[in-house]
Amino acid sequence: MEDMFSVAYQQTPDMKDLEYAFFGIFDGHGGSEAAAYAKDHLLDTIIKDDAFWSENDDDVLRAIRNGYVNTHIEMWKNLGTYIYKFYIGVSILLHLHFNHILYLII
């Protein structure tokens, strides 16, 4: 199966709310490797960016965009040969709730 999903969340320290909730659907193309890689790395790449934790919408959006780009670059570095890169890929539908704002990225 080439499609995968991921659900993750982090609660606030007082356990009364969520810092973020992440729902991702990863539609693999040409095999499951790209979907699995994105599933395993995209969220961590996004939340490790200090800009993600900002109150500024533009910073959060930049962190999400950088997370996509950096995950893509690292995936290509880690998934094999030059020729193989042209046959695999992944489409991602991401629902990320942070700072009481819903980010829907298609």
C-alpha atoms as a PDB file:
ATOM      1  CA  MET A   1       0.000   0.000   0.000  1.00  0.00           C
ATOM      2  CA  GLU A   2       1.397   3.380  -0.997  1.00  0.00           C
ATOM      3  CA  ASP A   3      -0.840   5.569   1.175  1.00  0.00           C
ATOM      4  CA  MET A   4      -0.247   6.342   4.842  1.00  0.00           C
ATOM      5  CA  PHE A   5      -1.541   8.651   7.520  1.00  0.00           C
ATOM      6  CA  SER A   6      -0.268  10.173  10.734  1.00  0.00           C
ATOM      7  CA  VAL A   7      -2.021  11.686  13.736  1.00  0.00           C
ATOM      8  CA  ALA A   8      -0.039  13.423  16.450  1.00  0.00           C
ATOM      9  CA  TYR A   9      -0.602  16.052  19.094  1.00  0.00           C
ATOM     10  CA  GLN A  10       1.152  17.764  21.953  1.00  0.00           C
ATOM     11  CA  GLN A  11      -0.695  18.958  25.022  1.00  0.00           C
ATOM     12  CA  THR A  12       0.048  22.174  26.885  1.00  0.00           C
ATOM     13  CA  PRO A  13       2.052  21.784  30.105  1.00  0.00           C
ATOM     14  CA  ASP A  14      -1.130  22.208  32.191  1.00  0.00           C
ATOM     15  CA  MET A  15      -2.803  19.451  30.101  1.00  0.00           C
ATOM     16  CA  LYS A  16      -5.866  21.691  29.521  1.00  0.00           C
ATOM     17  CA  ASP A  17      -5.353  22.366  25.822  1.00  0.00           C
ATOM     18  CA  LEU A  18      -3.341  21.278  22.817  1.00  0.00           C
ATOM     19  CA  GLU A  19      -0.214  23.068  21.638  1.00  0.00           C
ATOM     20  CA  TYR A  20      -0.764  21.503  18.232  1.00  0.00           C
ATOM     21  CA  ALA A  21      -2.670  18.739  16.509  1.00  0.00           C
ATOM     22  CA  PHE A  22      -1.338  17.208  13.298  1.00  0.00           C
ATOM     23  CA  PHE A  23      -3.270  15.090  10.808  1.00  0.00           C
ATOM     24  CA  GLY A  24      -1.455  14.054   7.649  1.00  0.00           C
ATOM     25  CA  ILE A  25      -2.441  11.906   4.689  1.00  0.00           C
ATOM     26  CA  PHE A  26       0.480  10.812   2.537  1.00  0.00           C
ATOM     27  CA  ASP A  27      -0.356   9.530  -0.953  1.00  0.00           C
ATOM     28  CA  GLY A  28       2.668   7.683  -2.292  1.00  0.00           C
ATOM     29  CA  HIS A  29       3.494   7.453  -5.982  1.00  0.00           C
ATOM     30  CA  GLY A  30       5.667   4.719  -7.427  1.00  0.00           C
ATOM     31  CA  GLY A  31       6.011   2.883  -4.143  1.00  0.00           C
ATOM     32  CA  SER A  32       5.514   3.502  -0.465  1.00  0.00           C
ATOM     33  CA  GLU A  33       8.995   4.809   0.339  1.00  0.00           C
ATOM     34  CA  ALA A  34       8.315   8.514  -0.223  1.00  0.00           C
ATOM     35  CA  ALA A  35       5.048   8.411   1.734  1.00  0.00           C
ATOM     36  CA  ALA A  36       6.745   6.574   4.601  1.00  0.00           C
ATOM     37  CA  TYR A  37       9.645   9.025   4.640  1.00  0.00           C
ATOM     38  CA  ALA A  38       7.351  12.065   4.673  1.00  0.00           C
ATOM     39  CA  LYS A  39       5.156  10.490   7.359  1.00  0.00           C
ATOM     40  CA  ASP A  40       8.174   9.805   9.559  1.00  0.00           C
ATOM     41  CA  HIS A  41       9.923  13.177   9.109  1.00  0.00           C
ATOM     42  CA  LEU A  42       7.608  16.043   8.092  1.00  0.00           C
ATOM     43  CA  LEU A  43       6.119  16.897  11.484  1.00  0.00           C
ATOM     44  CA  ASP A  44       9.462  16.775  13.296  1.00  0.00           C
ATOM     45  CA  THR A  45      11.031  18.969  10.639  1.00  0.00           C
ATOM     46  CA  ILE A  46       8.247  21.539  11.022  1.00  0.00           C
ATOM     47  CA  ILE A  47       8.196  21.708  14.829  1.00  0.00           C
ATOM     48  CA  LYS A  48      12.005  21.847  15.130  1.00  0.00           C
ATOM     49  CA  ASP A  49      11.899  25.169  13.298  1.00  0.00           C
ATOM     50  CA  ASP A  50      11.795  27.949  15.924  1.00  0.00           C
ATOM     51  CA  ALA A  51       9.526  29.970  13.620  1.00  0.00           C
ATOM     52  CA  PHE A  52       6.775  27.386  14.072  1.00  0.00           C
ATOM     53  CA  TRP A  53       6.368  28.346  17.736  1.00  0.00           C
ATOM     54  CA  SER A  54       5.848  32.013  16.902  1.00  0.00           C
ATOM     55  CA  GLU A  55       2.606  33.895  17.460  1.00  0.00           C
ATOM     56  CA  ASN A  56       3.091  35.407  13.994  1.00  0.00           C
ATOM     57  CA  ASP A  57       1.119  33.678  11.236  1.00  0.00           C
ATOM     58  CA  ASP A  58       3.750  34.406   8.589  1.00  0.00           C
ATOM     59  CA  ASP A  59       6.443  32.756  10.728  1.00  0.00           C
ATOM     60  CA  VAL A  60       4.313  29.646  11.242  1.00  0.00           C
ATOM     61  CA  LEU A  61       3.563  29.427   7.521  1.00  0.00           C
ATOM     62  CA  ARG A  62       7.267  29.837   6.722  1.00  0.00           C
ATOM     63  CA  ALA A  63       8.119  27.001   9.137  1.00  0.00           C
ATOM     64  CA  ILE A  64       5.524  24.746   7.477  1.00  0.00           C
ATOM     65  CA  ARG A  65       6.813  25.620   3.991  1.00  0.00           C
ATOM     66  CA  ASN A  66      10.426  25.060   5.091  1.00  0.00           C
ATOM     67  CA  GLY A  67       9.382  21.749   6.621  1.00  0.00           C
ATOM     68  CA  TYR A  68       7.983  20.575   3.294  1.00  0.00           C
ATOM     69  CA  VAL A  69      11.041  21.715   1.340  1.00  0.00           C
ATOM     70  CA  ASN A  70      13.590  20.332   3.806  1.00  0.00           C
ATOM     71  CA  THR A  71      11.775  17.005   4.098  1.00  0.00           C
ATOM     72  CA  HIS A  72      11.739  16.763   0.295  1.00  0.00           C
ATOM     73  CA  ILE A  73      15.470  17.506   0.043  1.00  0.00           C
ATOM     74  CA  GLU A  74      16.380  15.031   2.783  1.00  0.00           C
ATOM     75  CA  MET A  75      14.123  12.387   1.241  1.00  0.00           C
ATOM     76  CA  TRP A  76      15.978  12.649  -2.060  1.00  0.00           C
ATOM     77  CA  LYS A  77      19.312  12.378  -0.255  1.00  0.00           C
ATOM     78  CA  ASN A  78      18.226   9.288   1.659  1.00  0.00           C
ATOM     79  CA  LEU A  79      16.081   7.238  -0.695  1.00  0.00           C
ATOM     80  CA  GLY A  80      18.513   5.884  -3.197  1.00  0.00           C
ATOM     81  CA  THR A  81      19.876   6.296  -6.673  1.00  0.00           C
ATOM     82  CA  TYR A  82      19.502   9.107  -9.176  1.00  0.00           C
ATOM     83  CA  ILE A  83      17.156   7.149 -11.446  1.00  0.00           C
ATOM     84  CA  TYR A  84      14.987   5.979  -8.561  1.00  0.00           C
ATOM     85  CA  LYS A  85      14.232   9.589  -7.608  1.00  0.00           C
ATOM     86  CA  PHE A  86      12.254  10.126 -10.792  1.00  0.00           C
ATOM     87  CA  TYR A  87       9.831   7.295 -10.040  1.00  0.00           C
ATOM     88  CA  ILE A  88       8.737   8.026  -6.500  1.00  0.00           C
ATOM     89  CA  GLY A  89       6.875  10.862  -4.905  1.00  0.00           C
ATOM     90  CA  VAL A  90       4.222  11.782  -2.410  1.00  0.00           C
ATOM     91  CA  SER A  91       1.234  14.109  -2.261  1.00  0.00           C
ATOM     92  CA  ILE A  92       0.451  15.338   1.222  1.00  0.00           C
ATOM     93  CA  LEU A  93      -2.763  16.651   2.705  1.00  0.00           C
ATOM     94  CA  LEU A  94      -1.930  18.282   6.020  1.00  0.00           C
ATOM     95  CA  HIS A  95      -4.277  19.585   8.696  1.00  0.00           C
ATOM     96  CA  LEU A  96      -2.336  21.375  11.426  1.00  0.00           C
ATOM     97  CA  HIS A  97      -4.062  23.109  14.310  1.00  0.00           C
ATOM     98  CA  PHE A  98      -1.775  25.529  16.175  1.00  0.00           C
ATOM     99  CA  ASN A  99      -2.379  28.740  18.156  1.00  0.00           C
ATOM    100  CA  HIS A 100      -6.138  28.175  17.711  1.00  0.00           C
ATOM    101  CA  ILE A 101      -5.669  28.484  13.950  1.00  0.00           C
ATOM    102  CA  LEU A 102      -6.314  25.712  11.445  1.00  0.00           C
ATOM    103  CA  TYR A 103      -3.718  25.408   8.679  1.00  0.00           C
ATOM    104  CA  LEU A 104      -4.887  23.228   5.805  1.00  0.00           C
ATOM    105  CA  ILE A 105      -2.146  22.546   3.295  1.00  0.00           C
ATOM    106  CA  ILE A 106      -2.821  20.618   0.106  1.00  0.00           C
END
